[in-house]
Amino acid sequence: MLESDGIYLIDNGFLLILYTKSNSNTKLLKSIFGVEDLSLINPPLFEDNILNDPDELKQKIINMVDYVRG
């Protein structure tokens, strides 16, 4: 079961998808996207837009993505 405030990295074998729930944790949103509410994000978002200028949390996400890509 997915938590209602979670942000999930999904690997379907072809794509890595960062899935965000409607009431995602504001600290995570601020760190990853630079906003505190999903409605403030202007799609489309690509890896280069999200992961540039990494802080500690973004570096952890980069490490997870690199591991999954293996």
PDB file of N, CA and C in Angstrom:
ATOM      1  N   MET A   1       0.844  -1.185   0.000  1.00  0.00           N
ATOM      2  CA  MET A   1       0.000   0.000   0.000  1.00  0.00           C
ATOM      3  C   MET A   1       0.887   1.246   0.000  1.00  0.00           C
ATOM      4  N   LEU A   2       0.534   2.196  -0.815  1.00  0.00           N
ATOM      5  CA  LEU A   2       1.291   3.439  -0.893  1.00  0.00           C
ATOM      6  C   LEU A   2       0.795   4.419   0.165  1.00  0.00           C
ATOM      7  N   GLU A   3       1.733   5.088   0.804  1.00  0.00           N
ATOM      8  CA  GLU A   3       1.380   6.109   1.789  1.00  0.00           C
ATOM      9  C   GLU A   3       0.819   7.333   1.064  1.00  0.00           C
ATOM     10  N   SER A   4      -0.091   8.035   1.703  1.00  0.00           N
ATOM     11  CA  SER A   4      -0.761   9.165   1.049  1.00  0.00           C
ATOM     12  C   SER A   4       0.138  10.379   0.868  1.00  0.00           C
ATOM     13  N   ASP A   5       1.266  10.451   1.601  1.00  0.00           N
ATOM     14  CA  ASP A   5       2.149  11.608   1.464  1.00  0.00           C
ATOM     15  C   ASP A   5       3.499  11.223   0.867  1.00  0.00           C
ATOM     16  N   GLY A   6       3.560  10.080   0.202  1.00  0.00           N
ATOM     17  CA  GLY A   6       4.824   9.570  -0.289  1.00  0.00           C
ATOM     18  C   GLY A   6       5.226  10.066  -1.668  1.00  0.00           C
ATOM     19  N   ILE A   7       6.489   9.886  -1.949  1.00  0.00           N
ATOM     20  CA  ILE A   7       7.069  10.107  -3.268  1.00  0.00           C
ATOM     21  C   ILE A   7       7.803   8.818  -3.596  1.00  0.00           C
ATOM     22  N   TYR A   8       7.510   8.238  -4.762  1.00  0.00           N
ATOM     23  CA  TYR A   8       7.995   6.903  -5.082  1.00  0.00           C
ATOM     24  C   TYR A   8       8.763   6.896  -6.394  1.00  0.00           C
ATOM     25  N   LEU A   9       9.852   6.127  -6.423  1.00  0.00           N
ATOM     26  CA  LEU A   9      10.618   5.904  -7.640  1.00  0.00           C
ATOM     27  C   LEU A   9      10.191   4.547  -8.181  1.00  0.00           C
ATOM     28  N   ILE A  10       9.621   4.542  -9.392  1.00  0.00           N
ATOM     29  CA  ILE A  10       9.086   3.328  -9.997  1.00  0.00           C
ATOM     30  C   ILE A  10       9.905   2.997 -11.233  1.00  0.00           C
ATOM     31  N   ASP A  11      10.333   1.742 -11.327  1.00  0.00           N
ATOM     32  CA  ASP A  11      11.074   1.246 -12.482  1.00  0.00           C
ATOM     33  C   ASP A  11      10.190   0.236 -13.188  1.00  0.00           C
ATOM     34  N   ASN A  12       9.764   0.545 -14.423  1.00  0.00           N
ATOM     35  CA  ASN A  12       8.913  -0.394 -15.153  1.00  0.00           C
ATOM     36  C   ASN A  12       9.702  -1.198 -16.190  1.00  0.00           C
ATOM     37  N   GLY A  13      11.014  -1.121 -16.136  1.00  0.00           N
ATOM     38  CA  GLY A  13      11.842  -1.845 -17.087  1.00  0.00           C
ATOM     39  C   GLY A  13      12.276  -1.000 -18.271  1.00  0.00           C
ATOM     40  N   PHE A  14      11.547   0.065 -18.552  1.00  0.00           N
ATOM     41  CA  PHE A  14      11.868   0.972 -19.655  1.00  0.00           C
ATOM     42  C   PHE A  14      12.078   2.399 -19.168  1.00  0.00           C
ATOM     43  N   LEU A  15      11.321   2.784 -18.154  1.00  0.00           N
ATOM     44  CA  LEU A  15      11.365   4.149 -17.634  1.00  0.00           C
ATOM     45  C   LEU A  15      11.527   4.132 -16.121  1.00  0.00           C
ATOM     46  N   LEU A  16      12.148   5.162 -15.606  1.00  0.00           N
ATOM     47  CA  LEU A  16      12.115   5.429 -14.174  1.00  0.00           C
ATOM     48  C   LEU A  16      11.130   6.568 -13.970  1.00  0.00           C
ATOM     49  N   ILE A  17      10.144   6.338 -13.143  1.00  0.00           N
ATOM     50  CA  ILE A  17       9.079   7.314 -12.928  1.00  0.00           C
ATOM     51  C   ILE A  17       9.123   7.769 -11.480  1.00  0.00           C
ATOM     52  N   LEU A  18       9.128   9.067 -11.260  1.00  0.00           N
ATOM     53  CA  LEU A  18       9.035   9.615  -9.912  1.00  0.00           C
ATOM     54  C   LEU A  18       7.572   9.957  -9.680  1.00  0.00           C
ATOM     55  N   TYR A  19       6.904   9.129  -8.892  1.00  0.00           N
ATOM     56  CA  TYR A  19       5.469   9.250  -8.654  1.00  0.00           C
ATOM     57  C   TYR A  19       5.243  10.000  -7.356  1.00  0.00           C
ATOM     58  N   THR A  20       4.485  11.074  -7.426  1.00  0.00           N
ATOM     59  CA  THR A  20       4.208  11.875  -6.235  1.00  0.00           C
ATOM     60  C   THR A  20       2.716  11.854  -5.939  1.00  0.00           C
ATOM     61  N   LYS A  21       2.377  11.662  -4.684  1.00  0.00           N
ATOM     62  CA  LYS A  21       0.981  11.683  -4.266  1.00  0.00           C
ATOM     63  C   LYS A  21       0.544  13.138  -4.086  1.00  0.00           C
ATOM     64  N   SER A  22      -0.753  13.366  -4.077  1.00  0.00           N
ATOM     65  CA  SER A  22      -1.286  14.735  -4.069  1.00  0.00           C
ATOM     66  C   SER A  22      -0.893  15.537  -2.833  1.00  0.00           C
ATOM     67  N   ASN A  23      -0.714  14.890  -1.713  1.00  0.00           N
ATOM     68  CA  ASN A  23      -0.317  15.629  -0.506  1.00  0.00           C
ATOM     69  C   ASN A  23       1.059  15.165  -0.032  1.00  0.00           C
ATOM     70  N   SER A  24       2.010  15.148  -0.955  1.00  0.00           N
ATOM     71  CA  SER A  24       3.377  14.709  -0.654  1.00  0.00           C
ATOM     72  C   SER A  24       4.015  15.589   0.412  1.00  0.00           C
ATOM     73  N   ASN A  25       4.961  15.011   1.106  1.00  0.00           N
ATOM     74  CA  ASN A  25       5.696  15.696   2.158  1.00  0.00           C
ATOM     75  C   ASN A  25       6.319  16.986   1.614  1.00  0.00           C
ATOM     76  N   THR A  26       6.030  18.109   2.246  1.00  0.00           N
ATOM     77  CA  THR A  26       6.488  19.403   1.732  1.00  0.00           C
ATOM     78  C   THR A  26       8.004  19.543   1.758  1.00  0.00           C
ATOM     79  N   LYS A  27       8.675  18.930   2.746  1.00  0.00           N
ATOM     80  CA  LYS A  27      10.140  18.994   2.787  1.00  0.00           C
ATOM     81  C   LYS A  27      10.747  18.276   1.588  1.00  0.00           C
ATOM     82  N   LEU A  28      10.180  17.118   1.226  1.00  0.00           N
ATOM     83  CA  LEU A  28      10.659  16.397   0.056  1.00  0.00           C
ATOM     84  C   LEU A  28      10.408  17.184  -1.221  1.00  0.00           C
ATOM     85  N   LEU A  29       9.206  17.745  -1.351  1.00  0.00           N
ATOM     86  CA  LEU A  29       8.886  18.540  -2.540  1.00  0.00           C
ATOM     87  C   LEU A  29       9.832  19.725  -2.677  1.00  0.00           C
ATOM     88  N   LYS A  30      10.104  20.393  -1.578  1.00  0.00           N
ATOM     89  CA  LYS A  30      10.993  21.560  -1.598  1.00  0.00           C
ATOM     90  C   LYS A  30      12.400  21.155  -2.016  1.00  0.00           C
ATOM     91  N   SER A  31      12.886  20.045  -1.485  1.00  0.00           N
ATOM     92  CA  SER A  31      14.233  19.603  -1.811  1.00  0.00           C
ATOM     93  C   SER A  31      14.350  19.122  -3.251  1.00  0.00           C
ATOM     94  N   ILE A  32      13.375  18.341  -3.713  1.00  0.00           N
ATOM     95  CA  ILE A  32      13.454  17.759  -5.047  1.00  0.00           C
ATOM     96  C   ILE A  32      13.085  18.756  -6.136  1.00  0.00           C
ATOM     97  N   PHE A  33      11.946  19.437  -5.966  1.00  0.00           N
ATOM     98  CA  PHE A  33      11.413  20.297  -7.016  1.00  0.00           C
ATOM     99  C   PHE A  33      11.574  21.788  -6.757  1.00  0.00           C
ATOM    100  N   GLY A  34      11.932  22.166  -5.534  1.00  0.00           N
ATOM    101  CA  GLY A  34      12.073  23.578  -5.211  1.00  0.00           C
ATOM    102  C   GLY A  34      10.759  24.285  -4.941  1.00  0.00           C
ATOM    103  N   VAL A  35       9.683  23.520  -4.743  1.00  0.00           N
ATOM    104  CA  VAL A  35       8.365  24.082  -4.433  1.00  0.00           C
ATOM    105  C   VAL A  35       7.779  23.322  -3.246  1.00  0.00           C
ATOM    106  N   GLU A  36       6.809  23.914  -2.584  1.00  0.00           N
ATOM    107  CA  GLU A  36       6.193  23.261  -1.438  1.00  0.00           C
ATOM    108  C   GLU A  36       4.825  22.675  -1.757  1.00  0.00           C
ATOM    109  N   ASP A  37       4.370  22.826  -2.995  1.00  0.00           N
ATOM    110  CA  ASP A  37       3.070  22.304  -3.400  1.00  0.00           C
ATOM    111  C   ASP A  37       3.158  21.840  -4.849  1.00  0.00           C
ATOM    112  N   LEU A  38       2.583  20.685  -5.147  1.00  0.00           N
ATOM    113  CA  LEU A  38       2.654  20.134  -6.506  1.00  0.00           C
ATOM    114  C   LEU A  38       2.032  21.055  -7.551  1.00  0.00           C
ATOM    115  N   SER A  39       1.062  21.857  -7.161  1.00  0.00           N
ATOM    116  CA  SER A  39       0.414  22.746  -8.122  1.00  0.00           C
ATOM    117  C   SER A  39       1.357  23.830  -8.642  1.00  0.00           C
ATOM    118  N   LEU A  40       2.487  24.028  -7.974  1.00  0.00           N
ATOM    119  CA  LEU A  40       3.452  25.047  -8.393  1.00  0.00           C
ATOM    120  C   LEU A  40       4.485  24.518  -9.385  1.00  0.00           C
ATOM    121  N   ILE A  41       4.421  23.217  -9.696  1.00  0.00           N
ATOM    122  CA  ILE A  41       5.358  22.619 -10.649  1.00  0.00           C
ATOM    123  C   ILE A  41       4.849  22.834 -12.059  1.00  0.00           C
ATOM    124  N   ASN A  42       5.747  23.268 -12.941  1.00  0.00           N
ATOM    125  CA  ASN A  42       5.395  23.478 -14.344  1.00  0.00           C
ATOM    126  C   ASN A  42       5.931  22.320 -15.178  1.00  0.00           C
ATOM    127  N   PRO A  43       5.073  21.360 -15.547  1.00  0.00           N
ATOM    128  CA  PRO A  43       5.545  20.238 -16.367  1.00  0.00           C
ATOM    129  C   PRO A  43       5.861  20.706 -17.780  1.00  0.00           C
ATOM    130  N   PRO A  44       6.586  19.977 -18.574  1.00  0.00           N
ATOM    131  CA  PRO A  44       7.150  18.673 -18.228  1.00  0.00           C
ATOM    132  C   PRO A  44       8.452  18.823 -17.461  1.00  0.00           C
ATOM    133  N   LEU A  45       8.695  17.882 -16.582  1.00  0.00           N
ATOM    134  CA  LEU A  45       9.936  17.840 -15.812  1.00  0.00           C
ATOM    135  C   LEU A  45      10.768  16.665 -16.290  1.00  0.00           C
ATOM    136  N   PHE A  46      12.030  16.900 -16.449  1.00  0.00           N
ATOM    137  CA  PHE A  46      12.948  15.854 -16.861  1.00  0.00           C
ATOM    138  C   PHE A  46      14.063  15.754 -15.838  1.00  0.00           C
ATOM    139  N   GLU A  47      14.792  14.688 -15.895  1.00  0.00           N
ATOM    140  CA  GLU A  47      15.856  14.429 -14.928  1.00  0.00           C
ATOM    141  C   GLU A  47      16.802  15.608 -14.776  1.00  0.00           C
ATOM    142  N   ASP A  48      17.190  16.226 -15.883  1.00  0.00           N
ATOM    143  CA  ASP A  48      18.128  17.347 -15.814  1.00  0.00           C
ATOM    144  C   ASP A  48      17.553  18.526 -15.040  1.00  0.00           C
ATOM    145  N   ASN A  49      16.237  18.743 -15.135  1.00  0.00           N
ATOM    146  CA  ASN A  49      15.605  19.841 -14.412  1.00  0.00           C
ATOM    147  C   ASN A  49      15.561  19.579 -12.910  1.00  0.00           C
ATOM    148  N   ILE A  50      15.323  18.326 -12.544  1.00  0.00           N
ATOM    149  CA  ILE A  50      15.122  17.979 -11.137  1.00  0.00           C
ATOM    150  C   ILE A  50      16.442  17.838 -10.398  1.00  0.00           C
ATOM    151  N   LEU A  51      17.412  17.162 -11.021  1.00  0.00           N
ATOM    152  CA  LEU A  51      18.598  16.749 -10.290  1.00  0.00           C
ATOM    153  C   LEU A  51      19.789  17.681 -10.433  1.00  0.00           C
ATOM    154  N   ASN A  52      19.603  18.845 -11.056  1.00  0.00           N
ATOM    155  CA  ASN A  52      20.724  19.783 -11.117  1.00  0.00           C
ATOM    156  C   ASN A  52      20.919  20.420  -9.740  1.00  0.00           C
ATOM    157  N   ASP A  53      22.141  20.857  -9.474  1.00  0.00           N
ATOM    158  CA  ASP A  53      22.469  21.507  -8.203  1.00  0.00           C
ATOM    159  C   ASP A  53      22.042  20.665  -7.001  1.00  0.00           C
ATOM    160  N   PRO A  54      22.606  19.432  -6.869  1.00  0.00           N
ATOM    161  CA  PRO A  54      22.119  18.521  -5.838  1.00  0.00           C
ATOM    162  C   PRO A  54      22.463  18.945  -4.409  1.00  0.00           C
ATOM    163  N   ASP A  55      21.481  18.797  -3.527  1.00  0.00           N
ATOM    164  CA  ASP A  55      21.726  18.905  -2.095  1.00  0.00           C
ATOM    165  C   ASP A  55      21.841  17.475  -1.553  1.00  0.00           C
ATOM    166  N   GLU A  56      21.846  17.292  -0.263  1.00  0.00           N
ATOM    167  CA  GLU A  56      22.046  15.957   0.317  1.00  0.00           C
ATOM    168  C   GLU A  56      20.943  14.980  -0.108  1.00  0.00           C
ATOM    169  N   LEU A  57      19.675  15.414  -0.065  1.00  0.00           N
ATOM    170  CA  LEU A  57      18.577  14.536  -0.443  1.00  0.00           C
ATOM    171  C   LEU A  57      18.611  14.218  -1.928  1.00  0.00           C
ATOM    172  N   LYS A  58      18.840  15.233  -2.749  1.00  0.00           N
ATOM    173  CA  LYS A  58      18.928  14.986  -4.193  1.00  0.00           C
ATOM    174  C   LYS A  58      20.062  14.032  -4.514  1.00  0.00           C
ATOM    175  N   GLN A  59      21.174  14.119  -3.809  1.00  0.00           N
ATOM    176  CA  GLN A  59      22.280  13.205  -4.047  1.00  0.00           C
ATOM    177  C   GLN A  59      21.877  11.772  -3.722  1.00  0.00           C
ATOM    178  N   LYS A  60      21.080  11.587  -2.682  1.00  0.00           N
ATOM    179  CA  LYS A  60      20.579  10.251  -2.350  1.00  0.00           C
ATOM    180  C   LYS A  60      19.681   9.724  -3.470  1.00  0.00           C
ATOM    181  N   ILE A  61      18.855  10.589  -4.035  1.00  0.00           N
ATOM    182  CA  ILE A  61      17.993  10.184  -5.143  1.00  0.00           C
ATOM    183  C   ILE A  61      18.839   9.830  -6.366  1.00  0.00           C
ATOM    184  N   ILE A  62      19.847  10.635  -6.656  1.00  0.00           N
ATOM    185  CA  ILE A  62      20.755  10.348  -7.773  1.00  0.00           C
ATOM    186  C   ILE A  62      21.410   8.992  -7.565  1.00  0.00           C
ATOM    187  N   ASN A  63      21.846   8.705  -6.343  1.00  0.00           N
ATOM    188  CA  ASN A  63      22.474   7.420  -6.036  1.00  0.00           C
ATOM    189  C   ASN A  63      21.499   6.261  -6.254  1.00  0.00           C
ATOM    190  N   MET A  64      20.228   6.431  -5.851  1.00  0.00           N
ATOM    191  CA  MET A  64      19.228   5.385  -6.068  1.00  0.00           C
ATOM    192  C   MET A  64      18.994   5.151  -7.550  1.00  0.00           C
ATOM    193  N   VAL A  65      18.866   6.223  -8.314  1.00  0.00           N
ATOM    194  CA  VAL A  65      18.639   6.111  -9.757  1.00  0.00           C
ATOM    195  C   VAL A  65      19.832   5.411 -10.407  1.00  0.00           C
ATOM    196  N   ASP A  66      21.036   5.796 -10.049  1.00  0.00           N
ATOM    197  CA  ASP A  66      22.229   5.147 -10.595  1.00  0.00           C
ATOM    198  C   ASP A  66      22.250   3.663 -10.259  1.00  0.00           C
ATOM    199  N   TYR A  67      21.855   3.305  -9.043  1.00  0.00           N
ATOM    200  CA  TYR A  67      21.836   1.911  -8.641  1.00  0.00           C
ATOM    201  C   TYR A  67      20.815   1.109  -9.465  1.00  0.00           C
ATOM    202  N   VAL A  68      19.618   1.672  -9.626  1.00  0.00           N
ATOM    203  CA  VAL A  68      18.561   0.985 -10.382  1.00  0.00           C
ATOM    204  C   VAL A  68      18.973   0.819 -11.840  1.00  0.00           C
ATOM    205  N   ARG A  69      19.625   1.820 -12.387  1.00  0.00           N
ATOM    206  CA  ARG A  69      20.079   1.740 -13.778  1.00  0.00           C
ATOM    207  C   ARG A  69      21.163   0.686 -13.948  1.00  0.00           C
ATOM    208  N   GLY A  70      21.942   0.465 -12.854  1.00  0.00           N
ATOM    209  CA  GLY A  70      22.989  -0.539 -12.772  1.00  0.00           C
ATOM    210  C   GLY A  70      23.732  -0.719 -14.000  1.00  0.00           C
TER     211      GLY A  70
END
